[in-house]
């Protein structure tokens, strides 16, 4: 199982590949594969046959997983892509922090 630095709900920017520079929200994280699904990134076109699940059918655009090594978290305060640091609060809880401005990133 690979350790990933992103969590569901984080805003991330893509560092490399066809979607380089795009920002999006993490929809799902797959730590065993080291991948995440990001909103609006790595879109594939799928030709869907009509079925009970999808009665309309037709062409569907779907987000596919992207490796988390290609993603960098965007800080809420400074708004720039940043690396993640870990610090302990006064009550002893471990939180993720922005390496640039020191702001706590964890979404409650």
PDB file of N, CA and C in Angstrom:
ATOM      1  N   UNK A   1       0.844  -1.185   0.000  1.00  0.00           N
ATOM      2  CA  UNK A   1       0.000   0.000   0.000  1.00  0.00           C
ATOM      3  C   UNK A   1       0.890   1.251   0.000  1.00  0.00           C
ATOM      4  N   UNK A   2       0.681   2.105  -0.966  1.00  0.00           N
ATOM      5  CA  UNK A   2       1.469   3.331  -1.098  1.00  0.00           C
ATOM      6  C   UNK A   2       0.876   4.432  -0.226  1.00  0.00           C
ATOM      7  N   UNK A   3       1.738   5.289   0.288  1.00  0.00           N
ATOM      8  CA  UNK A   3       1.292   6.408   1.105  1.00  0.00           C
ATOM      9  C   UNK A   3       1.027   7.592   0.183  1.00  0.00           C
ATOM     10  N   UNK A   4      -0.156   8.179   0.295  1.00  0.00           N
ATOM     11  CA  UNK A   4      -0.494   9.313  -0.568  1.00  0.00           C
ATOM     12  C   UNK A   4      -0.641  10.575   0.268  1.00  0.00           C
ATOM     13  N   UNK A   5      -0.322  11.734  -0.342  1.00  0.00           N
ATOM     14  CA  UNK A   5      -0.343  13.009   0.359  1.00  0.00           C
ATOM     15  C   UNK A   5      -1.636  13.782   0.137  1.00  0.00           C
ATOM     16  N   UNK A   6      -2.548  13.237  -0.660  1.00  0.00           N
ATOM     17  CA  UNK A   6      -3.813  13.932  -0.933  1.00  0.00           C
ATOM     18  C   UNK A   6      -4.964  13.213  -0.253  1.00  0.00           C
ATOM     19  N   UNK A   7      -5.993  13.970   0.061  1.00  0.00           N
ATOM     20  CA  UNK A   7      -7.201  13.423   0.663  1.00  0.00           C
ATOM     21  C   UNK A   7      -8.403  13.868  -0.155  1.00  0.00           C
ATOM     22  N   UNK A   8      -9.508  13.163   0.021  1.00  0.00           N
ATOM     23  CA  UNK A   8     -10.751  13.519  -0.657  1.00  0.00           C
ATOM     24  C   UNK A   8     -11.160  14.931  -0.241  1.00  0.00           C
ATOM     25  N   UNK A   9     -11.483  15.773  -1.225  1.00  0.00           N
ATOM     26  CA  UNK A   9     -11.896  17.146  -0.944  1.00  0.00           C
ATOM     27  C   UNK A   9     -10.786  18.175  -1.097  1.00  0.00           C
ATOM     28  N   UNK A  10      -9.529  17.728  -1.212  1.00  0.00           N
ATOM     29  CA  UNK A  10      -8.405  18.654  -1.416  1.00  0.00           C
ATOM     30  C   UNK A  10      -8.476  19.281  -2.804  1.00  0.00           C
ATOM     31  N   UNK A  11      -8.026  20.535  -2.916  1.00  0.00           N
ATOM     32  CA  UNK A  11      -7.866  21.167  -4.219  1.00  0.00           C
ATOM     33  C   UNK A  11      -6.424  20.937  -4.650  1.00  0.00           C
ATOM     34  N   UNK A  12      -6.256  20.396  -5.861  1.00  0.00           N
ATOM     35  CA  UNK A  12      -4.921  20.058  -6.344  1.00  0.00           C
ATOM     36  C   UNK A  12      -4.687  20.649  -7.734  1.00  0.00           C
ATOM     37  N   UNK A  13      -3.406  20.751  -8.103  1.00  0.00           N
ATOM     38  CA  UNK A  13      -3.010  21.187  -9.445  1.00  0.00           C
ATOM     39  C   UNK A  13      -2.173  20.062 -10.048  1.00  0.00           C
ATOM     40  N   UNK A  14      -2.350  19.830 -11.364  1.00  0.00           N
ATOM     41  CA  UNK A  14      -1.629  18.769 -12.063  1.00  0.00           C
ATOM     42  C   UNK A  14      -0.268  19.304 -12.497  1.00  0.00           C
ATOM     43  N   UNK A  15       0.800  18.552 -12.204  1.00  0.00           N
ATOM     44  CA  UNK A  15       2.169  18.984 -12.475  1.00  0.00           C
ATOM     45  C   UNK A  15       2.671  18.576 -13.856  1.00  0.00           C
ATOM     46  N   UNK A  16       2.196  17.444 -14.378  1.00  0.00           N
ATOM     47  CA  UNK A  16       2.702  16.977 -15.664  1.00  0.00           C
ATOM     48  C   UNK A  16       1.636  16.203 -16.413  1.00  0.00           C
ATOM     49  N   UNK A  17       1.868  16.028 -17.715  1.00  0.00           N
ATOM     50  CA  UNK A  17       0.946  15.277 -18.557  1.00  0.00           C
ATOM     51  C   UNK A  17       0.078  16.193 -19.391  1.00  0.00           C
ATOM     52  N   UNK A  18      -0.937  15.606 -20.042  1.00  0.00           N
ATOM     53  CA  UNK A  18      -1.781  16.364 -20.960  1.00  0.00           C
ATOM     54  C   UNK A  18      -2.627  17.425 -20.245  1.00  0.00           C
ATOM     55  N   UNK A  19      -2.871  17.242 -18.960  1.00  0.00           N
ATOM     56  CA  UNK A  19      -3.693  18.178 -18.186  1.00  0.00           C
ATOM     57  C   UNK A  19      -2.853  19.081 -17.286  1.00  0.00           C
ATOM     58  N   UNK A  20      -1.598  19.290 -17.620  1.00  0.00           N
ATOM     59  CA  UNK A  20      -0.676  20.094 -16.808  1.00  0.00           C
ATOM     60  C   UNK A  20      -1.248  21.487 -16.557  1.00  0.00           C
ATOM     61  N   UNK A  21      -1.243  21.905 -15.274  1.00  0.00           N
ATOM     62  CA  UNK A  21      -1.719  23.235 -14.907  1.00  0.00           C
ATOM     63  C   UNK A  21      -3.183  23.295 -14.506  1.00  0.00           C
ATOM     64  N   UNK A  22      -3.939  22.229 -14.757  1.00  0.00           N
ATOM     65  CA  UNK A  22      -5.361  22.235 -14.412  1.00  0.00           C
ATOM     66  C   UNK A  22      -5.541  22.063 -12.907  1.00  0.00           C
ATOM     67  N   UNK A  23      -6.533  22.772 -12.360  1.00  0.00           N
ATOM     68  CA  UNK A  23      -6.879  22.640 -10.944  1.00  0.00           C
ATOM     69  C   UNK A  23      -8.186  21.875 -10.836  1.00  0.00           C
ATOM     70  N   UNK A  24      -8.339  21.148  -9.746  1.00  0.00           N
ATOM     71  CA  UNK A  24      -9.573  20.410  -9.522  1.00  0.00           C
ATOM     72  C   UNK A  24      -9.636  19.878  -8.110  1.00  0.00           C
ATOM     73  N   UNK A  25     -10.818  19.395  -7.745  1.00  0.00           N
ATOM     74  CA  UNK A  25     -11.057  18.841  -6.417  1.00  0.00           C
ATOM     75  C   UNK A  25     -10.909  17.323  -6.485  1.00  0.00           C
ATOM     76  N   UNK A  26     -10.275  16.734  -5.483  1.00  0.00           N
ATOM     77  CA  UNK A  26     -10.098  15.286  -5.425  1.00  0.00           C
ATOM     78  C   UNK A  26     -11.439  14.652  -5.062  1.00  0.00           C
ATOM     79  N   UNK A  27     -11.925  13.754  -5.937  1.00  0.00           N
ATOM     80  CA  UNK A  27     -13.208  13.090  -5.727  1.00  0.00           C
ATOM     81  C   UNK A  27     -13.042  11.754  -4.997  1.00  0.00           C
ATOM     82  N   UNK A  28     -11.937  11.052  -5.308  1.00  0.00           N
ATOM     83  CA  UNK A  28     -11.715   9.735  -4.719  1.00  0.00           C
ATOM     84  C   UNK A  28     -10.220   9.463  -4.678  1.00  0.00           C
ATOM     85  N   UNK A  29      -9.751   8.808  -3.616  1.00  0.00           N
ATOM     86  CA  UNK A  29      -8.342   8.448  -3.481  1.00  0.00           C
ATOM     87  C   UNK A  29      -8.237   6.931  -3.390  1.00  0.00           C
ATOM     88  N   UNK A  30      -7.283   6.364  -4.147  1.00  0.00           N
ATOM     89  CA  UNK A  30      -7.036   4.924  -4.127  1.00  0.00           C
ATOM     90  C   UNK A  30      -5.604   4.684  -3.672  1.00  0.00           C
ATOM     91  N   UNK A  31      -5.362   4.612  -2.343  1.00  0.00           N
ATOM     92  CA  UNK A  31      -4.000   4.514  -1.825  1.00  0.00           C
ATOM     93  C   UNK A  31      -3.266   3.239  -2.243  1.00  0.00           C
ATOM     94  N   UNK A  32      -3.978   2.136  -2.440  1.00  0.00           N
ATOM     95  CA  UNK A  32      -3.312   0.886  -2.835  1.00  0.00           C
ATOM     96  C   UNK A  32      -2.684   1.008  -4.217  1.00  0.00           C
ATOM     97  N   UNK A  33      -3.290   1.791  -5.093  1.00  0.00           N
ATOM     98  CA  UNK A  33      -2.757   2.000  -6.443  1.00  0.00           C
ATOM     99  C   UNK A  33      -1.921   3.268  -6.530  1.00  0.00           C
ATOM    100  N   UNK A  34      -1.987   4.141  -5.513  1.00  0.00           N
ATOM    101  CA  UNK A  34      -1.264   5.410  -5.541  1.00  0.00           C
ATOM    102  C   UNK A  34      -1.881   6.386  -6.525  1.00  0.00           C
ATOM    103  N   UNK A  35      -3.206   6.313  -6.672  1.00  0.00           N
ATOM    104  CA  UNK A  35      -3.901   7.138  -7.649  1.00  0.00           C
ATOM    105  C   UNK A  35      -5.076   7.878  -7.008  1.00  0.00           C
ATOM    106  N   UNK A  36      -5.545   8.905  -7.724  1.00  0.00           N
ATOM    107  CA  UNK A  36      -6.707   9.669  -7.277  1.00  0.00           C
ATOM    108  C   UNK A  36      -7.520  10.089  -8.499  1.00  0.00           C
ATOM    109  N   UNK A  37      -8.819  10.289  -8.287  1.00  0.00           N
ATOM    110  CA  UNK A  37      -9.676  10.814  -9.341  1.00  0.00           C
ATOM    111  C   UNK A  37      -9.919  12.284  -9.023  1.00  0.00           C
ATOM    112  N   UNK A  38      -9.585  13.157  -9.990  1.00  0.00           N
ATOM    113  CA  UNK A  38      -9.696  14.601  -9.806  1.00  0.00           C
ATOM    114  C   UNK A  38     -10.741  15.140 -10.771  1.00  0.00           C
ATOM    115  N   UNK A  39     -11.587  16.041 -10.248  1.00  0.00           N
ATOM    116  CA  UNK A  39     -12.671  16.634 -11.026  1.00  0.00           C
ATOM    117  C   UNK A  39     -12.128  17.429 -12.215  1.00  0.00           C
ATOM    118  N   UNK A  40     -12.556  17.078 -13.436  1.00  0.00           N
ATOM    119  CA  UNK A  40     -12.171  17.800 -14.639  1.00  0.00           C
ATOM    120  C   UNK A  40     -10.789  17.478 -15.179  1.00  0.00           C
ATOM    121  N   UNK A  41     -10.139  16.442 -14.659  1.00  0.00           N
ATOM    122  CA  UNK A  41      -8.782  16.082 -15.081  1.00  0.00           C
ATOM    123  C   UNK A  41      -8.787  14.648 -15.597  1.00  0.00           C
ATOM    124  N   UNK A  42      -7.980  14.391 -16.639  1.00  0.00           N
ATOM    125  CA  UNK A  42      -7.841  13.065 -17.238  1.00  0.00           C
ATOM    126  C   UNK A  42      -9.193  12.530 -17.718  1.00  0.00           C
ATOM    127  N   UNK A  43      -9.870  13.318 -18.539  1.00  0.00           N
ATOM    128  CA  UNK A  43     -11.195  12.971 -19.047  1.00  0.00           C
ATOM    129  C   UNK A  43     -11.060  12.010 -20.227  1.00  0.00           C
ATOM    130  N   UNK A  44     -11.865  10.940 -20.204  1.00  0.00           N
ATOM    131  CA  UNK A  44     -11.910   9.986 -21.309  1.00  0.00           C
ATOM    132  C   UNK A  44     -13.312   9.991 -21.898  1.00  0.00           C
ATOM    133  N   UNK A  45     -13.402   9.761 -23.209  1.00  0.00           N
ATOM    134  CA  UNK A  45     -14.682   9.683 -23.887  1.00  0.00           C
ATOM    135  C   UNK A  45     -15.052   8.217 -24.025  1.00  0.00           C
ATOM    136  N   UNK A  46     -16.248   7.875 -23.539  1.00  0.00           N
ATOM    137  CA  UNK A  46     -16.698   6.497 -23.576  1.00  0.00           C
ATOM    138  C   UNK A  46     -18.012   6.425 -24.335  1.00  0.00           C
ATOM    139  N   UNK A  47     -18.119   5.481 -25.256  1.00  0.00           N
ATOM    140  CA  UNK A  47     -19.360   5.274 -25.994  1.00  0.00           C
ATOM    141  C   UNK A  47     -20.184   4.261 -25.218  1.00  0.00           C
ATOM    142  N   UNK A  48     -21.273   4.722 -24.603  1.00  0.00           N
ATOM    143  CA  UNK A  48     -22.082   3.909 -23.692  1.00  0.00           C
ATOM    144  C   UNK A  48     -23.326   3.406 -24.404  1.00  0.00           C
ATOM    145  N   UNK A  49     -23.524   2.104 -24.347  1.00  0.00           N
ATOM    146  CA  UNK A  49     -24.737   1.500 -24.887  1.00  0.00           C
ATOM    147  C   UNK A  49     -25.892   1.732 -23.932  1.00  0.00           C
ATOM    148  N   UNK A  50     -27.117   1.892 -24.420  1.00  0.00           N
ATOM    149  CA  UNK A  50     -28.254   2.023 -23.505  1.00  0.00           C
ATOM    150  C   UNK A  50     -28.398   0.771 -22.643  1.00  0.00           C
ATOM    151  N   UNK A  51     -28.617   0.976 -21.345  1.00  0.00           N
ATOM    152  CA  UNK A  51     -28.791  -0.132 -20.400  1.00  0.00           C
ATOM    153  C   UNK A  51     -29.772   0.331 -19.327  1.00  0.00           C
ATOM    154  N   UNK A  52     -30.187  -0.568 -18.452  1.00  0.00           N
ATOM    155  CA  UNK A  52     -31.089  -0.127 -17.371  1.00  0.00           C
ATOM    156  C   UNK A  52     -30.483   0.978 -16.501  1.00  0.00           C
ATOM    157  N   UNK A  53     -29.155   0.929 -16.322  1.00  0.00           N
ATOM    158  CA  UNK A  53     -28.468   1.948 -15.520  1.00  0.00           C
ATOM    159  C   UNK A  53     -28.396   3.283 -16.261  1.00  0.00           C
ATOM    160  N   UNK A  54     -28.076   3.227 -17.567  1.00  0.00           N
ATOM    161  CA  UNK A  54     -27.966   4.416 -18.409  1.00  0.00           C
ATOM    162  C   UNK A  54     -28.939   4.243 -19.582  1.00  0.00           C
ATOM    163  N   UNK A  55     -30.226   4.603 -19.386  1.00  0.00           N
ATOM    164  CA  UNK A  55     -31.216   4.359 -20.439  1.00  0.00           C
ATOM    165  C   UNK A  55     -30.970   5.184 -21.707  1.00  0.00           C
ATOM    166  N   UNK A  56     -30.332   6.348 -21.567  1.00  0.00           N
ATOM    167  CA  UNK A  56     -30.087   7.223 -22.712  1.00  0.00           C
ATOM    168  C   UNK A  56     -28.987   6.666 -23.610  1.00  0.00           C
ATOM    169  N   UNK A  57     -27.877   6.224 -23.026  1.00  0.00           N
ATOM    170  CA  UNK A  57     -26.732   5.790 -23.814  1.00  0.00           C
ATOM    171  C   UNK A  57     -26.011   6.988 -24.402  1.00  0.00           C
ATOM    172  N   UNK A  58     -25.207   6.773 -25.433  1.00  0.00           N
ATOM    173  CA  UNK A  58     -24.513   7.866 -26.106  1.00  0.00           C
ATOM    174  C   UNK A  58     -23.079   8.016 -25.653  1.00  0.00           C
ATOM    175  N   UNK A  59     -22.512   9.199 -25.908  1.00  0.00           N
ATOM    176  CA  UNK A  59     -21.117   9.476 -25.572  1.00  0.00           C
ATOM    177  C   UNK A  59     -21.042  10.092 -24.180  1.00  0.00           C
ATOM    178  N   UNK A  60     -20.237   9.477 -23.307  1.00  0.00           N
ATOM    179  CA  UNK A  60     -20.107   9.919 -21.914  1.00  0.00           C
ATOM    180  C   UNK A  60     -18.654  10.339 -21.673  1.00  0.00           C
ATOM    181  N   UNK A  61     -18.465  11.447 -20.978  1.00  0.00           N
ATOM    182  CA  UNK A  61     -17.128  11.907 -20.590  1.00  0.00           C
ATOM    183  C   UNK A  61     -16.935  11.552 -19.125  1.00  0.00           C
ATOM    184  N   UNK A  62     -15.829  10.848 -18.831  1.00  0.00           N
ATOM    185  CA  UNK A  62     -15.606  10.293 -17.501  1.00  0.00           C
ATOM    186  C   UNK A  62     -14.187  10.605 -17.033  1.00  0.00           C
ATOM    187  N   UNK A  63     -14.042  10.935 -15.732  1.00  0.00           N
ATOM    188  CA  UNK A  63     -12.719  11.169 -15.157  1.00  0.00           C
ATOM    189  C   UNK A  63     -12.068   9.831 -14.825  1.00  0.00           C
ATOM    190  N   UNK A  64     -10.828   9.669 -15.247  1.00  0.00           N
ATOM    191  CA  UNK A  64     -10.069   8.468 -14.937  1.00  0.00           C
ATOM    192  C   UNK A  64      -9.026   8.790 -13.872  1.00  0.00           C
ATOM    193  N   UNK A  65      -8.524   7.762 -13.177  1.00  0.00           N
ATOM    194  CA  UNK A  65      -7.526   7.998 -12.126  1.00  0.00           C
ATOM    195  C   UNK A  65      -6.220   8.573 -12.687  1.00  0.00           C
ATOM    196  N   UNK A  66      -5.536   9.344 -11.851  1.00  0.00           N
ATOM    197  CA  UNK A  66      -4.234   9.924 -12.187  1.00  0.00           C
ATOM    198  C   UNK A  66      -3.300   9.649 -11.006  1.00  0.00           C
ATOM    199  N   UNK A  67      -2.028   9.403 -11.297  1.00  0.00           N
ATOM    200  CA  UNK A  67      -1.072   9.120 -10.226  1.00  0.00           C
ATOM    201  C   UNK A  67      -0.924  10.336  -9.314  1.00  0.00           C
ATOM    202  N   UNK A  68      -0.875  10.087  -8.005  1.00  0.00           N
ATOM    203  CA  UNK A  68      -0.798  11.181  -7.028  1.00  0.00           C
ATOM    204  C   UNK A  68       0.558  11.890  -7.073  1.00  0.00           C
ATOM    205  N   UNK A  69       1.573  11.259  -7.657  1.00  0.00           N
ATOM    206  CA  UNK A  69       2.876  11.913  -7.781  1.00  0.00           C
ATOM    207  C   UNK A  69       2.816  13.077  -8.770  1.00  0.00           C
ATOM    208  N   UNK A  70       1.792  13.115  -9.611  1.00  0.00           N
ATOM    209  CA  UNK A  70       1.614  14.203 -10.575  1.00  0.00           C
ATOM    210  C   UNK A  70       0.770  15.336 -10.006  1.00  0.00           C
ATOM    211  N   UNK A  71       0.338  15.211  -8.747  1.00  0.00           N
ATOM    212  CA  UNK A  71      -0.550  16.199  -8.130  1.00  0.00           C
ATOM    213  C   UNK A  71       0.166  16.954  -7.019  1.00  0.00           C
ATOM    214  N   UNK A  72      -0.179  18.234  -6.869  1.00  0.00           N
ATOM    215  CA  UNK A  72       0.338  19.047  -5.770  1.00  0.00           C
ATOM    216  C   UNK A  72      -0.822  19.813  -5.160  1.00  0.00           C
ATOM    217  N   UNK A  73      -0.892  19.813  -3.847  1.00  0.00           N
ATOM    218  CA  UNK A  73      -1.995  20.465  -3.136  1.00  0.00           C
ATOM    219  C   UNK A  73      -1.877  21.980  -3.231  1.00  0.00           C
ATOM    220  N   UNK A  74      -3.030  22.636  -3.397  1.00  0.00           N
ATOM    221  CA  UNK A  74      -3.090  24.097  -3.439  1.00  0.00           C
ATOM    222  C   UNK A  74      -3.536  24.579  -2.057  1.00  0.00           C
ATOM    223  N   UNK A  75      -2.756  25.496  -1.474  1.00  0.00           N
ATOM    224  CA  UNK A  75      -3.062  26.050  -0.150  1.00  0.00           C
ATOM    225  C   UNK A  75      -4.283  26.954  -0.230  1.00  0.00           C
ATOM    226  N   UNK A  76      -5.140  26.881   0.786  1.00  0.00           N
ATOM    227  CA  UNK A  76      -6.353  27.709   0.832  1.00  0.00           C
ATOM    228  C   UNK A  76      -6.022  29.177   1.074  1.00  0.00           C
ATOM    229  N   UNK A  77      -4.977  29.440   1.877  1.00  0.00           N
ATOM    230  CA  UNK A  77      -4.647  30.822   2.258  1.00  0.00           C
ATOM    231  C   UNK A  77      -3.833  31.533   1.177  1.00  0.00           C
ATOM    232  N   UNK A  78      -2.668  30.955   0.813  1.00  0.00           N
ATOM    233  CA  UNK A  78      -1.798  31.646  -0.151  1.00  0.00           C
ATOM    234  C   UNK A  78      -2.172  31.343  -1.594  1.00  0.00           C
ATOM    235  N   UNK A  79      -2.980  30.315  -1.844  1.00  0.00           N
ATOM    236  CA  UNK A  79      -3.482  30.030  -3.185  1.00  0.00           C
ATOM    237  C   UNK A  79      -2.470  29.466  -4.155  1.00  0.00           C
ATOM    238  N   UNK A  80      -1.294  29.076  -3.671  1.00  0.00           N
ATOM    239  CA  UNK A  80      -0.276  28.539  -4.568  1.00  0.00           C
ATOM    240  C   UNK A  80      -0.051  27.055  -4.285  1.00  0.00           C
ATOM    241  N   UNK A  81       0.411  26.301  -5.296  1.00  0.00           N
ATOM    242  CA  UNK A  81       0.734  24.886  -5.063  1.00  0.00           C
ATOM    243  C   UNK A  81       1.869  24.781  -4.054  1.00  0.00           C
ATOM    244  N   UNK A  82       1.739  23.853  -3.127  1.00  0.00           N
ATOM    245  CA  UNK A  82       2.715  23.759  -2.053  1.00  0.00           C
ATOM    246  C   UNK A  82       2.949  22.318  -1.636  1.00  0.00           C
ATOM    247  N   UNK A  83       4.108  22.091  -1.026  1.00  0.00           N
ATOM    248  CA  UNK A  83       4.381  20.805  -0.411  1.00  0.00           C
ATOM    249  C   UNK A  83       3.717  20.766   0.950  1.00  0.00           C
ATOM    250  N   UNK A  84       3.586  19.569   1.494  1.00  0.00           N
ATOM    251  CA  UNK A  84       2.869  19.378   2.750  1.00  0.00           C
ATOM    252  C   UNK A  84       3.850  19.124   3.881  1.00  0.00           C
ATOM    253  N   UNK A  85       3.614  19.781   5.007  1.00  0.00           N
ATOM    254  CA  UNK A  85       4.366  19.525   6.221  1.00  0.00           C
ATOM    255  C   UNK A  85       3.406  18.986   7.271  1.00  0.00           C
ATOM    256  N   UNK A  86       3.918  18.333   8.279  1.00  0.00           N
ATOM    257  CA  UNK A  86       3.091  17.802   9.363  1.00  0.00           C
ATOM    258  C   UNK A  86       3.538  18.435  10.672  1.00  0.00           C
ATOM    259  N   UNK A  87       2.568  18.977  11.415  1.00  0.00           N
ATOM    260  CA  UNK A  87       2.862  19.557  12.723  1.00  0.00           C
ATOM    261  C   UNK A  87       1.825  19.086  13.727  1.00  0.00           C
ATOM    262  N   UNK A  88       2.152  19.221  14.985  1.00  0.00           N
ATOM    263  CA  UNK A  88       1.241  18.857  16.060  1.00  0.00           C
ATOM    264  C   UNK A  88       0.658  20.116  16.675  1.00  0.00           C
ATOM    265  N   UNK A  89      -0.643  20.123  16.901  1.00  0.00           N
ATOM    266  CA  UNK A  89      -1.302  21.250  17.564  1.00  0.00           C
ATOM    267  C   UNK A  89      -1.108  21.141  19.078  1.00  0.00           C
ATOM    268  N   UNK A  90      -1.575  22.156  19.809  1.00  0.00           N
ATOM    269  CA  UNK A  90      -1.425  22.180  21.270  1.00  0.00           C
ATOM    270  C   UNK A  90      -2.127  20.999  21.938  1.00  0.00           C
ATOM    271  N   UNK A  91      -3.250  20.551  21.363  1.00  0.00           N
ATOM    272  CA  UNK A  91      -3.978  19.429  21.962  1.00  0.00           C
ATOM    273  C   UNK A  91      -3.405  18.067  21.535  1.00  0.00           C
ATOM    274  N   UNK A  92      -2.342  18.070  20.726  1.00  0.00           N
ATOM    275  CA  UNK A  92      -1.664  16.829  20.366  1.00  0.00           C
ATOM    276  C   UNK A  92      -2.107  16.201  19.055  1.00  0.00           C
ATOM    277  N   UNK A  93      -3.028  16.830  18.338  1.00  0.00           N
ATOM    278  CA  UNK A  93      -3.477  16.259  17.069  1.00  0.00           C
ATOM    279  C   UNK A  93      -2.497  16.629  15.951  1.00  0.00           C
ATOM    280  N   UNK A  94      -2.250  15.673  15.049  1.00  0.00           N
ATOM    281  CA  UNK A  94      -1.330  15.873  13.930  1.00  0.00           C
ATOM    282  C   UNK A  94      -2.116  16.440  12.751  1.00  0.00           C
ATOM    283  N   UNK A  95      -1.630  17.550  12.174  1.00  0.00           N
ATOM    284  CA  UNK A  95      -2.312  18.188  11.046  1.00  0.00           C
ATOM    285  C   UNK A  95      -1.341  18.424   9.893  1.00  0.00           C
ATOM    286  N   UNK A  96      -1.893  18.566   8.693  1.00  0.00           N
ATOM    287  CA  UNK A  96      -1.089  18.897   7.512  1.00  0.00           C
ATOM    288  C   UNK A  96      -1.022  20.415   7.388  1.00  0.00           C
ATOM    289  N   UNK A  97       0.175  20.916   7.082  1.00  0.00           N
ATOM    290  CA  UNK A  97       0.354  22.363   6.962  1.00  0.00           C
ATOM    291  C   UNK A  97       1.030  22.706   5.644  1.00  0.00           C
ATOM    292  N   UNK A  98       0.837  23.959   5.224  1.00  0.00           N
ATOM    293  CA  UNK A  98       1.461  24.496   4.016  1.00  0.00           C
ATOM    294  C   UNK A  98       2.919  24.804   4.319  1.00  0.00           C
ATOM    295  N   UNK A  99       3.839  24.360   3.455  1.00  0.00           N
ATOM    296  CA  UNK A  99       5.273  24.621   3.669  1.00  0.00           C
ATOM    297  C   UNK A  99       5.622  26.077   3.376  1.00  0.00           C
ATOM    298  N   UNK A 100       4.789  26.785   2.593  1.00  0.00           N
ATOM    299  CA  UNK A 100       5.085  28.172   2.220  1.00  0.00           C
ATOM    300  C   UNK A 100       4.630  29.166   3.277  1.00  0.00           C
ATOM    301  N   UNK A 101       3.354  29.039   3.730  1.00  0.00           N
ATOM    302  CA  UNK A 101       2.834  30.046   4.658  1.00  0.00           C
ATOM    303  C   UNK A 101       2.565  29.499   6.065  1.00  0.00           C
ATOM    304  N   UNK A 102       2.620  28.185   6.247  1.00  0.00           N
ATOM    305  CA  UNK A 102       2.422  27.592   7.564  1.00  0.00           C
ATOM    306  C   UNK A 102       0.976  27.400   7.958  1.00  0.00           C
ATOM    307  N   UNK A 103       0.033  27.699   7.061  1.00  0.00           N
ATOM    308  CA  UNK A 103      -1.391  27.555   7.343  1.00  0.00           C
ATOM    309  C   UNK A 103      -1.793  26.083   7.406  1.00  0.00           C
ATOM    310  N   UNK A 104      -2.738  25.746   8.313  1.00  0.00           N
ATOM    311  CA  UNK A 104      -3.251  24.384   8.437  1.00  0.00           C
ATOM    312  C   UNK A 104      -4.127  24.072   7.217  1.00  0.00           C
ATOM    313  N   UNK A 105      -3.850  22.954   6.539  1.00  0.00           N
ATOM    314  CA  UNK A 105      -4.560  22.591   5.319  1.00  0.00           C
ATOM    315  C   UNK A 105      -5.723  21.645   5.576  1.00  0.00           C
ATOM    316  N   UNK A 106      -5.633  20.814   6.600  1.00  0.00           N
ATOM    317  CA  UNK A 106      -6.652  19.794   6.841  1.00  0.00           C
ATOM    318  C   UNK A 106      -8.054  20.368   6.849  1.00  0.00           C
ATOM    319  N   UNK A 107      -8.921  19.711   6.049  1.00  0.00           N
ATOM    320  CA  UNK A 107     -10.323  20.120   6.047  1.00  0.00           C
ATOM    321  C   UNK A 107     -11.057  19.289   7.091  1.00  0.00           C
ATOM    322  N   UNK A 108     -11.754  19.995   7.953  1.00  0.00           N
ATOM    323  CA  UNK A 108     -12.430  19.311   9.069  1.00  0.00           C
ATOM    324  C   UNK A 108     -13.687  18.638   8.588  1.00  0.00           C
TER     325      UNK A 108
END
